[in-house]
Amino acid sequence: TKLSTGADLVKWSPDGKMIAFTSGVYPECKDERVQQ
């Protein structure tokens, strides 16, 4: 990942092809640039 909002709580998909994670964001900001 390369997010200015960071990442946490990693989980693999059952087939191991994808991951899911959480990222703390400001709800009112709609894209990465505004978050940053």
Full PDB file with SEQRES, HELIX, SHEET, SSBOND, CRYST1, ORIGX, SCALE, CONECT and MASTER records, all heavy atoms in Angstrom:
SEQRES   1 A   36  THR LYS LEU SER THR GLY ALA ASP LEU VAL LYS TRP SER          
SEQRES   2 A   36  PRO ASP GLY LYS MET ILE ALA PHE THR SER GLY VAL TYR          
SEQRES   3 A   36  PRO GLU CYS LYS ASP GLU ARG VAL GLN GLN                      
HELIX    1 AA1 GLU A   32  GLN A   35  1                                   4    
SHEET    1 AA1 2 ASP A   8  TRP A  12  0                                        
SHEET    2 AA1 2 ILE A  19  THR A  22 -1                                        
CRYST1    1.000    1.000    1.000  90.00  90.00  90.00 P 1           1          
ORIGX1      1.000000  0.000000  0.000000        0.00000                         
ORIGX2      0.000000  1.000000  0.000000        0.00000                         
ORIGX3      0.000000  0.000000  1.000000        0.00000                         
SCALE1      1.000000  0.000000  0.000000        0.00000                         
SCALE2      0.000000  1.000000  0.000000        0.00000                         
SCALE3      0.000000  0.000000  1.000000        0.00000                         
ATOM      1  N   THR A   1       0.845  -1.196   0.000  1.00  0.00           N  
ATOM      2  CA  THR A   1       0.000   0.000   0.000  1.00  0.00           C  
ATOM      3  C   THR A   1       0.878   1.244   0.000  1.00  0.00           C  
ATOM      4  O   THR A   1       1.997   1.216   0.488  1.00  0.00           O  
ATOM      5  CB  THR A   1      -0.916   0.046   1.243  1.00  0.00           C  
ATOM      6  OG1 THR A   1      -0.107   0.105   2.419  1.00  0.00           O  
ATOM      7  CG2 THR A   1      -1.831  -1.154   1.302  1.00  0.00           C  
ATOM      8  N   LYS A   2       0.322   2.323  -0.580  1.00  0.00           N  
ATOM      9  CA  LYS A   2       1.007   3.619  -0.593  1.00  0.00           C  
ATOM     10  C   LYS A   2      -0.034   4.705  -0.335  1.00  0.00           C  
ATOM     11  O   LYS A   2      -0.278   5.548  -1.168  1.00  0.00           O  
ATOM     12  CB  LYS A   2       1.682   3.857  -1.940  1.00  0.00           C  
ATOM     13  CG  LYS A   2       2.795   2.891  -2.235  1.00  0.00           C  
ATOM     14  CD  LYS A   2       3.414   3.164  -3.590  1.00  0.00           C  
ATOM     15  CE  LYS A   2       4.491   2.139  -3.875  1.00  0.00           C  
ATOM     16  NZ  LYS A   2       5.066   2.296  -5.193  1.00  0.00           N  
ATOM     17  N   LEU A   3      -0.647   4.653   0.832  1.00  0.00           N  
ATOM     18  CA  LEU A   3      -1.692   5.606   1.171  1.00  0.00           C  
ATOM     19  C   LEU A   3      -1.209   6.580   2.229  1.00  0.00           C  
ATOM     20  O   LEU A   3      -0.607   6.165   3.215  1.00  0.00           O  
ATOM     21  CB  LEU A   3      -2.922   4.866   1.719  1.00  0.00           C  
ATOM     22  CG  LEU A   3      -3.620   3.912   0.765  1.00  0.00           C  
ATOM     23  CD1 LEU A   3      -4.645   3.091   1.522  1.00  0.00           C  
ATOM     24  CD2 LEU A   3      -4.278   4.694  -0.347  1.00  0.00           C  
ATOM     25  N   SER A   4      -1.507   7.850   2.048  1.00  0.00           N  
ATOM     26  CA  SER A   4      -1.137   8.830   3.073  1.00  0.00           C  
ATOM     27  C   SER A   4      -1.949   8.602   4.341  1.00  0.00           C  
ATOM     28  O   SER A   4      -1.567   9.056   5.416  1.00  0.00           O  
ATOM     29  CB  SER A   4      -1.358  10.245   2.552  1.00  0.00           C  
ATOM     30  OG  SER A   4      -2.736  10.493   2.365  1.00  0.00           O  
ATOM     31  N   THR A   5      -3.059   7.894   4.236  1.00  0.00           N  
ATOM     32  CA  THR A   5      -3.919   7.632   5.388  1.00  0.00           C  
ATOM     33  C   THR A   5      -3.517   6.377   6.154  1.00  0.00           C  
ATOM     34  O   THR A   5      -4.113   6.054   7.173  1.00  0.00           O  
ATOM     35  CB  THR A   5      -5.383   7.495   4.935  1.00  0.00           C  
ATOM     36  OG1 THR A   5      -5.461   6.489   3.929  1.00  0.00           O  
ATOM     37  CG2 THR A   5      -5.909   8.810   4.400  1.00  0.00           C  
ATOM     38  N   GLY A   6      -2.510   5.660   5.686  1.00  0.00           N  
ATOM     39  CA  GLY A   6      -2.028   4.487   6.394  1.00  0.00           C  
ATOM     40  C   GLY A   6      -2.903   3.271   6.192  1.00  0.00           C  
ATOM     41  O   GLY A   6      -3.881   3.297   5.448  1.00  0.00           O  
ATOM     42  N   ALA A   7      -2.551   2.183   6.858  1.00  0.00           N  
ATOM     43  CA  ALA A   7      -3.291   0.925   6.733  1.00  0.00           C  
ATOM     44  C   ALA A   7      -3.123   0.110   8.006  1.00  0.00           C  
ATOM     45  O   ALA A   7      -2.125   0.236   8.711  1.00  0.00           O  
ATOM     46  CB  ALA A   7      -2.783   0.142   5.531  1.00  0.00           C  
ATOM     47  N   ASP A   8      -4.094  -0.740   8.259  1.00  0.00           N  
ATOM     48  CA  ASP A   8      -4.080  -1.578   9.454  1.00  0.00           C  
ATOM     49  C   ASP A   8      -5.008  -2.770   9.222  1.00  0.00           C  
ATOM     50  O   ASP A   8      -5.731  -2.820   8.228  1.00  0.00           O  
ATOM     51  CB  ASP A   8      -4.543  -0.758  10.660  1.00  0.00           C  
ATOM     52  CG  ASP A   8      -4.102  -1.350  11.989  1.00  0.00           C  
ATOM     53  OD1 ASP A   8      -3.365  -2.353  11.994  1.00  0.00           O  
ATOM     54  OD2 ASP A   8      -4.484  -0.797  13.023  1.00  0.00           O  
ATOM     55  N   LEU A   9      -5.018  -3.718  10.141  1.00  0.00           N  
ATOM     56  CA  LEU A   9      -5.932  -4.857  10.151  1.00  0.00           C  
ATOM     57  C   LEU A   9      -5.970  -5.604   8.810  1.00  0.00           C  
ATOM     58  O   LEU A   9      -6.982  -5.649   8.130  1.00  0.00           O  
ATOM     59  CB  LEU A   9      -7.340  -4.416  10.552  1.00  0.00           C  
ATOM     60  CG  LEU A   9      -7.459  -3.745  11.913  1.00  0.00           C  
ATOM     61  CD1 LEU A   9      -8.871  -3.225  12.123  1.00  0.00           C  
ATOM     62  CD2 LEU A   9      -7.057  -4.676  13.024  1.00  0.00           C  
ATOM     63  N   VAL A  10      -4.886  -6.226   8.440  1.00  0.00           N  
ATOM     64  CA  VAL A  10      -4.746  -6.914   7.160  1.00  0.00           C  
ATOM     65  C   VAL A  10      -5.423  -8.281   7.194  1.00  0.00           C  
ATOM     66  O   VAL A  10      -5.271  -9.031   8.146  1.00  0.00           O  
ATOM     67  CB  VAL A  10      -3.252  -7.110   6.814  1.00  0.00           C  
ATOM     68  CG1 VAL A  10      -3.091  -7.809   5.487  1.00  0.00           C  
ATOM     69  CG2 VAL A  10      -2.538  -5.787   6.826  1.00  0.00           C  
ATOM     70  N   LYS A  11      -6.162  -8.607   6.120  1.00  0.00           N  
ATOM     71  CA  LYS A  11      -6.785  -9.920   5.946  1.00  0.00           C  
ATOM     72  C   LYS A  11      -6.589 -10.370   4.507  1.00  0.00           C  
ATOM     73  O   LYS A  11      -6.733  -9.582   3.576  1.00  0.00           O  
ATOM     74  CB  LYS A  11      -8.295  -9.874   6.233  1.00  0.00           C  
ATOM     75  CG  LYS A  11      -8.649  -9.455   7.627  1.00  0.00           C  
ATOM     76  CD  LYS A  11      -8.324 -10.532   8.623  1.00  0.00           C  
ATOM     77  CE  LYS A  11      -8.743 -10.090  10.019  1.00  0.00           C  
ATOM     78  NZ  LYS A  11      -8.112 -10.806  11.063  1.00  0.00           N  
ATOM     79  N   TRP A  12      -6.248 -11.637   4.313  1.00  0.00           N  
ATOM     80  CA  TRP A  12      -6.106 -12.219   2.972  1.00  0.00           C  
ATOM     81  C   TRP A  12      -7.469 -12.707   2.472  1.00  0.00           C  
ATOM     82  O   TRP A  12      -8.290 -13.173   3.251  1.00  0.00           O  
ATOM     83  CB  TRP A  12      -5.165 -13.417   3.002  1.00  0.00           C  
ATOM     84  CG  TRP A  12      -3.731 -13.082   3.161  1.00  0.00           C  
ATOM     85  CD1 TRP A  12      -3.026 -13.051   4.328  1.00  0.00           C  
ATOM     86  CD2 TRP A  12      -2.804 -12.750   2.130  1.00  0.00           C  
ATOM     87  NE1 TRP A  12      -1.721 -12.712   4.084  1.00  0.00           N  
ATOM     88  CE2 TRP A  12      -1.558 -12.528   2.731  1.00  0.00           C  
ATOM     89  CE3 TRP A  12      -2.913 -12.619   0.746  1.00  0.00           C  
ATOM     90  CZ2 TRP A  12      -0.425 -12.183   2.013  1.00  0.00           C  
ATOM     91  CZ3 TRP A  12      -1.782 -12.277   0.022  1.00  0.00           C  
ATOM     92  CH2 TRP A  12      -0.561 -12.056   0.652  1.00  0.00           C  
ATOM     93  N   SER A  13      -7.671 -12.668   1.153  1.00  0.00           N  
ATOM     94  CA  SER A  13      -8.845 -13.314   0.565  1.00  0.00           C  
ATOM     95  C   SER A  13      -8.618 -14.822   0.632  1.00  0.00           C  
ATOM     96  O   SER A  13      -7.464 -15.274   0.717  1.00  0.00           O  
ATOM     97  CB  SER A  13      -9.042 -12.857  -0.882  1.00  0.00           C  
ATOM     98  OG  SER A  13      -7.964 -13.280  -1.692  1.00  0.00           O  
ATOM     99  N   PRO A  14      -9.669 -15.632   0.592  1.00  0.00           N  
ATOM    100  CA  PRO A  14      -9.504 -17.085   0.690  1.00  0.00           C  
ATOM    101  C   PRO A  14      -8.567 -17.690  -0.357  1.00  0.00           C  
ATOM    102  O   PRO A  14      -7.869 -18.668  -0.086  1.00  0.00           O  
ATOM    103  CB  PRO A  14     -10.924 -17.622   0.527  1.00  0.00           C  
ATOM    104  CG  PRO A  14     -11.798 -16.506   1.010  1.00  0.00           C  
ATOM    105  CD  PRO A  14     -11.080 -15.246   0.591  1.00  0.00           C  
ATOM    106  N   ASP A  15      -8.522 -17.090  -1.567  1.00  0.00           N  
ATOM    107  CA  ASP A  15      -7.634 -17.632  -2.602  1.00  0.00           C  
ATOM    108  C   ASP A  15      -6.230 -17.029  -2.561  1.00  0.00           C  
ATOM    109  O   ASP A  15      -5.358 -17.428  -3.324  1.00  0.00           O  
ATOM    110  CB  ASP A  15      -8.241 -17.443  -3.992  1.00  0.00           C  
ATOM    111  CG  ASP A  15      -8.421 -15.977  -4.381  1.00  0.00           C  
ATOM    112  OD1 ASP A  15      -7.999 -15.072  -3.617  1.00  0.00           O  
ATOM    113  OD2 ASP A  15      -8.985 -15.731  -5.463  1.00  0.00           O  
ATOM    114  N   GLY A  16      -5.989 -16.057  -1.668  1.00  0.00           N  
ATOM    115  CA  GLY A  16      -4.672 -15.454  -1.518  1.00  0.00           C  
ATOM    116  C   GLY A  16      -4.294 -14.466  -2.604  1.00  0.00           C  
ATOM    117  O   GLY A  16      -3.161 -13.990  -2.643  1.00  0.00           O  
ATOM    118  N   LYS A  17      -5.235 -14.085  -3.458  1.00  0.00           N  
ATOM    119  CA  LYS A  17      -4.927 -13.167  -4.555  1.00  0.00           C  
ATOM    120  C   LYS A  17      -5.127 -11.705  -4.181  1.00  0.00           C  
ATOM    121  O   LYS A  17      -4.629 -10.819  -4.864  1.00  0.00           O  
ATOM    122  CB  LYS A  17      -5.786 -13.498  -5.779  1.00  0.00           C  
ATOM    123  CG  LYS A  17      -5.438 -14.837  -6.390  1.00  0.00           C  
ATOM    124  CD  LYS A  17      -6.278 -15.112  -7.603  1.00  0.00           C  
ATOM    125  CE  LYS A  17      -5.910 -16.464  -8.202  1.00  0.00           C  
ATOM    126  NZ  LYS A  17      -6.728 -16.751  -9.386  1.00  0.00           N  
ATOM    127  N   MET A  18      -5.874 -11.448  -3.100  1.00  0.00           N  
ATOM    128  CA  MET A  18      -6.155 -10.072  -2.692  1.00  0.00           C  
ATOM    129  C   MET A  18      -6.011  -9.949  -1.176  1.00  0.00           C  
ATOM    130  O   MET A  18      -6.032 -10.949  -0.468  1.00  0.00           O  
ATOM    131  CB  MET A  18      -7.577  -9.677  -3.091  1.00  0.00           C  
ATOM    132  CG  MET A  18      -7.803  -9.637  -4.578  1.00  0.00           C  
ATOM    133  SD  MET A  18      -9.467  -9.058  -4.993  1.00  0.00           S  
ATOM    134  CE  MET A  18     -10.447 -10.486  -4.576  1.00  0.00           C  
ATOM    135  N   ILE A  19      -5.853  -8.700  -0.734  1.00  0.00           N  
ATOM    136  CA  ILE A  19      -5.871  -8.419   0.699  1.00  0.00           C  
ATOM    137  C   ILE A  19      -6.911  -7.337   0.960  1.00  0.00           C  
ATOM    138  O   ILE A  19      -7.232  -6.546   0.079  1.00  0.00           O  
ATOM    139  CB  ILE A  19      -4.503  -7.958   1.243  1.00  0.00           C  
ATOM    140  CG1 ILE A  19      -4.035  -6.672   0.543  1.00  0.00           C  
ATOM    141  CG2 ILE A  19      -3.469  -9.061   1.149  1.00  0.00           C  
ATOM    142  CD1 ILE A  19      -2.909  -5.969   1.247  1.00  0.00           C  
ATOM    143  N   ALA A  20      -7.409  -7.334   2.168  1.00  0.00           N  
ATOM    144  CA  ALA A  20      -8.283  -6.258   2.633  1.00  0.00           C  
ATOM    145  C   ALA A  20      -7.596  -5.625   3.833  1.00  0.00           C  
ATOM    146  O   ALA A  20      -6.846  -6.297   4.548  1.00  0.00           O  
ATOM    147  CB  ALA A  20      -9.649  -6.815   3.023  1.00  0.00           C  
ATOM    148  N   PHE A  21      -7.809  -4.342   4.043  1.00  0.00           N  
ATOM    149  CA  PHE A  21      -7.222  -3.647   5.179  1.00  0.00           C  
ATOM    150  C   PHE A  21      -8.080  -2.445   5.511  1.00  0.00           C  
ATOM    151  O   PHE A  21      -8.918  -2.031   4.711  1.00  0.00           O  
ATOM    152  CB  PHE A  21      -5.779  -3.218   4.899  1.00  0.00           C  
ATOM    153  CG  PHE A  21      -5.645  -2.308   3.719  1.00  0.00           C  
ATOM    154  CD1 PHE A  21      -5.736  -0.929   3.874  1.00  0.00           C  
ATOM    155  CD2 PHE A  21      -5.419  -2.823   2.452  1.00  0.00           C  
ATOM    156  CE1 PHE A  21      -5.613  -0.077   2.783  1.00  0.00           C  
ATOM    157  CE2 PHE A  21      -5.295  -1.979   1.356  1.00  0.00           C  
ATOM    158  CZ  PHE A  21      -5.397  -0.606   1.528  1.00  0.00           C  
ATOM    159  N   THR A  22      -7.882  -1.906   6.688  1.00  0.00           N  
ATOM    160  CA  THR A  22      -8.581  -0.682   7.061  1.00  0.00           C  
ATOM    161  C   THR A  22      -7.629   0.498   6.917  1.00  0.00           C  
ATOM    162  O   THR A  22      -6.416   0.334   6.943  1.00  0.00           O  
ATOM    163  CB  THR A  22      -9.085  -0.743   8.521  1.00  0.00           C  
ATOM    164  OG1 THR A  22      -7.965  -0.892   9.387  1.00  0.00           O  
ATOM    165  CG2 THR A  22     -10.058  -1.890   8.713  1.00  0.00           C  
ATOM    166  N   SER A  23      -8.209   1.669   6.736  1.00  0.00           N  
ATOM    167  CA  SER A  23      -7.421   2.891   6.652  1.00  0.00           C  
ATOM    168  C   SER A  23      -8.251   4.018   7.245  1.00  0.00           C  
ATOM    169  O   SER A  23      -9.420   4.176   6.883  1.00  0.00           O  
ATOM    170  CB  SER A  23      -7.065   3.196   5.198  1.00  0.00           C  
ATOM    171  OG  SER A  23      -6.263   4.352   5.111  1.00  0.00           O  
ATOM    172  N   GLY A  24      -7.667   4.756   8.165  1.00  0.00           N  
ATOM    173  CA  GLY A  24      -8.382   5.864   8.796  1.00  0.00           C  
ATOM    174  C   GLY A  24      -8.470   7.049   7.851  1.00  0.00           C  
ATOM    175  O   GLY A  24      -7.456   7.577   7.413  1.00  0.00           O  
ATOM    176  N   VAL A  25      -9.682   7.442   7.523  1.00  0.00           N  
ATOM    177  CA  VAL A  25      -9.893   8.556   6.603  1.00  0.00           C  
ATOM    178  C   VAL A  25     -10.831   9.582   7.225  1.00  0.00           C  
ATOM    179  O   VAL A  25     -11.599   9.267   8.130  1.00  0.00           O  
ATOM    180  CB  VAL A  25     -10.468   8.087   5.248  1.00  0.00           C  
ATOM    181  CG1 VAL A  25      -9.508   7.146   4.550  1.00  0.00           C  
ATOM    182  CG2 VAL A  25     -11.827   7.428   5.432  1.00  0.00           C  
ATOM    183  N   TYR A  26     -10.770  10.803   6.724  1.00  0.00           N  
ATOM    184  CA  TYR A  26     -11.734  11.816   7.106  1.00  0.00           C  
ATOM    185  C   TYR A  26     -12.968  11.582   6.241  1.00  0.00           C  
ATOM    186  O   TYR A  26     -12.875  11.632   5.009  1.00  0.00           O  
ATOM    187  CB  TYR A  26     -11.179  13.217   6.855  1.00  0.00           C  
ATOM    188  CG  TYR A  26      -9.938  13.532   7.652  1.00  0.00           C  
ATOM    189  CD1 TYR A  26      -8.680  13.497   7.066  1.00  0.00           C  
ATOM    190  CD2 TYR A  26     -10.031  13.854   9.000  1.00  0.00           C  
ATOM    191  CE1 TYR A  26      -7.542  13.780   7.801  1.00  0.00           C  
ATOM    192  CE2 TYR A  26      -8.904  14.140   9.746  1.00  0.00           C  
ATOM    193  CZ  TYR A  26      -7.654  14.101   9.132  1.00  0.00           C  
ATOM    194  OH  TYR A  26      -6.544  14.382   9.863  1.00  0.00           O  
ATOM    195  N   PRO A  27     -14.126  11.325   6.831  1.00  0.00           N  
ATOM    196  CA  PRO A  27     -15.314  10.989   6.036  1.00  0.00           C  
ATOM    197  C   PRO A  27     -15.702  12.056   5.012  1.00  0.00           C  
ATOM    198  O   PRO A  27     -16.218  11.730   3.951  1.00  0.00           O  
ATOM    199  CB  PRO A  27     -16.420  10.836   7.089  1.00  0.00           C  
ATOM    200  CG  PRO A  27     -15.712  10.572   8.363  1.00  0.00           C  
ATOM    201  CD  PRO A  27     -14.390  11.272   8.264  1.00  0.00           C  
ATOM    202  N   GLU A  28     -15.428  13.311   5.325  1.00  0.00           N  
ATOM    203  CA  GLU A  28     -15.813  14.382   4.404  1.00  0.00           C  
ATOM    204  C   GLU A  28     -14.860  14.533   3.220  1.00  0.00           C  
ATOM    205  O   GLU A  28     -15.164  15.234   2.253  1.00  0.00           O  
ATOM    206  CB  GLU A  28     -15.938  15.716   5.157  1.00  0.00           C  
ATOM    207  CG  GLU A  28     -14.627  16.281   5.666  1.00  0.00           C  
ATOM    208  CD  GLU A  28     -14.174  15.740   7.034  1.00  0.00           C  
ATOM    209  OE1 GLU A  28     -14.738  14.762   7.525  1.00  0.00           O  
ATOM    210  OE2 GLU A  28     -13.218  16.312   7.584  1.00  0.00           O  
ATOM    211  N   CYS A  29     -13.706  13.907   3.243  1.00  0.00           N  
ATOM    212  CA  CYS A  29     -12.724  14.004   2.157  1.00  0.00           C  
ATOM    213  C   CYS A  29     -12.920  12.829   1.204  1.00  0.00           C  
ATOM    214  O   CYS A  29     -12.865  11.682   1.617  1.00  0.00           O  
ATOM    215  CB  CYS A  29     -11.308  13.996   2.714  1.00  0.00           C  
ATOM    216  SG  CYS A  29     -10.968  15.366   3.841  1.00  0.00           S  
ATOM    217  N   LYS A  30     -13.127  13.133  -0.054  1.00  0.00           N  
ATOM    218  CA  LYS A  30     -13.505  12.093  -1.016  1.00  0.00           C  
ATOM    219  C   LYS A  30     -12.350  11.456  -1.788  1.00  0.00           C  
ATOM    220  O   LYS A  30     -12.544  10.472  -2.468  1.00  0.00           O  
ATOM    221  CB  LYS A  30     -14.524  12.650  -2.013  1.00  0.00           C  
ATOM    222  CG  LYS A  30     -15.784  13.175  -1.360  1.00  0.00           C  
ATOM    223  CD  LYS A  30     -16.511  12.083  -0.605  1.00  0.00           C  
ATOM    224  CE  LYS A  30     -17.777  12.620   0.030  1.00  0.00           C  
ATOM    225  NZ  LYS A  30     -18.308  11.776   1.059  1.00  0.00           N  
ATOM    226  N   ASP A  31     -11.147  12.016  -1.723  1.00  0.00           N  
ATOM    227  CA  ASP A  31     -10.037  11.375  -2.428  1.00  0.00           C  
ATOM    228  C   ASP A  31      -8.720  11.544  -1.657  1.00  0.00           C  
ATOM    229  O   ASP A  31      -8.647  12.301  -0.688  1.00  0.00           O  
ATOM    230  CB  ASP A  31      -9.907  11.872  -3.876  1.00  0.00           C  
ATOM    231  CG  ASP A  31      -9.545  13.341  -3.984  1.00  0.00           C  
ATOM    232  OD1 ASP A  31      -8.726  13.833  -3.180  1.00  0.00           O  
ATOM    233  OD2 ASP A  31     -10.068  14.013  -4.889  1.00  0.00           O  
ATOM    234  N   GLU A  32      -7.713  10.836  -2.096  1.00  0.00           N  
ATOM    235  CA  GLU A  32      -6.405  10.795  -1.431  1.00  0.00           C  
ATOM    236  C   GLU A  32      -5.764  12.176  -1.325  1.00  0.00           C  
ATOM    237  O   GLU A  32      -5.194  12.534  -0.306  1.00  0.00           O  
ATOM    238  CB  GLU A  32      -5.487   9.837  -2.210  1.00  0.00           C  
ATOM    239  CG  GLU A  32      -4.062   9.800  -1.742  1.00  0.00           C  
ATOM    240  CD  GLU A  32      -3.852   8.965  -0.485  1.00  0.00           C  
ATOM    241  OE1 GLU A  32      -4.791   8.305  -0.041  1.00  0.00           O  
ATOM    242  OE2 GLU A  32      -2.736   8.997   0.053  1.00  0.00           O  
ATOM    243  N   ARG A  33      -5.864  12.967  -2.385  1.00  0.00           N  
ATOM    244  CA  ARG A  33      -5.244  14.296  -2.396  1.00  0.00           C  
ATOM    245  C   ARG A  33      -5.845  15.194  -1.321  1.00  0.00           C  
ATOM    246  O   ARG A  33      -5.131  15.899  -0.601  1.00  0.00           O  
ATOM    247  CB  ARG A  33      -5.420  14.921  -3.786  1.00  0.00           C  
ATOM    248  CG  ARG A  33      -4.775  16.269  -3.962  1.00  0.00           C  
ATOM    249  CD  ARG A  33      -5.047  16.859  -5.348  1.00  0.00           C  
ATOM    250  NE  ARG A  33      -6.445  16.886  -5.713  1.00  0.00           N  
ATOM    251  CZ  ARG A  33      -7.346  17.778  -5.256  1.00  0.00           C  
ATOM    252  NH1 ARG A  33      -6.964  18.728  -4.432  1.00  0.00           N  
ATOM    253  NH2 ARG A  33      -8.600  17.734  -5.648  1.00  0.00           N  
ATOM    254  N   VAL A  34      -7.164  15.160  -1.159  1.00  0.00           N  
ATOM    255  CA  VAL A  34      -7.831  15.988  -0.156  1.00  0.00           C  
ATOM    256  C   VAL A  34      -7.495  15.483   1.252  1.00  0.00           C  
ATOM    257  O   VAL A  34      -7.282  16.279   2.173  1.00  0.00           O  
ATOM    258  CB  VAL A  34      -9.364  16.000  -0.393  1.00  0.00           C  
ATOM    259  CG1 VAL A  34     -10.083  16.809   0.666  1.00  0.00           C  
ATOM    260  CG2 VAL A  34      -9.675  16.549  -1.781  1.00  0.00           C  
ATOM    261  N   GLN A  35      -7.423  14.162   1.423  1.00  0.00           N  
ATOM    262  CA  GLN A  35      -7.025  13.584   2.705  1.00  0.00           C  
ATOM    263  C   GLN A  35      -5.641  14.105   3.112  1.00  0.00           C  
ATOM    264  O   GLN A  35      -5.421  14.529   4.238  1.00  0.00           O  
ATOM    265  CB  GLN A  35      -6.965  12.050   2.620  1.00  0.00           C  
ATOM    266  CG  GLN A  35      -8.259  11.362   2.353  1.00  0.00           C  
ATOM    267  CD  GLN A  35      -9.101  11.186   3.601  1.00  0.00           C  
ATOM    268  OE1 GLN A  35      -8.623  11.246   4.723  1.00  0.00           O  
ATOM    269  NE2 GLN A  35     -10.383  10.978   3.401  1.00  0.00           N  
ATOM    270  N   GLN A  36      -4.715  14.032   2.160  1.00  0.00           N  
ATOM    271  CA  GLN A  36      -3.338  14.447   2.420  1.00  0.00           C  
ATOM    272  C   GLN A  36      -3.267  15.942   2.738  1.00  0.00           C  
ATOM    273  O   GLN A  36      -2.551  16.354   3.654  1.00  0.00           O  
ATOM    274  CB  GLN A  36      -2.469  14.110   1.222  1.00  0.00           C  
ATOM    275  CG  GLN A  36      -1.006  14.142   1.510  1.00  0.00           C  
ATOM    276  CD  GLN A  36      -0.198  13.506   0.399  1.00  0.00           C  
ATOM    277  OE1 GLN A  36      -0.702  13.147  -0.659  1.00  0.00           O  
ATOM    278  NE2 GLN A  36       1.086  13.359   0.628  1.00  0.00           N  
TER     279      GLN A  36                                                      
MASTER        0    0    0    1    2    0    0    6  278    1    0    3          
END                                                                             
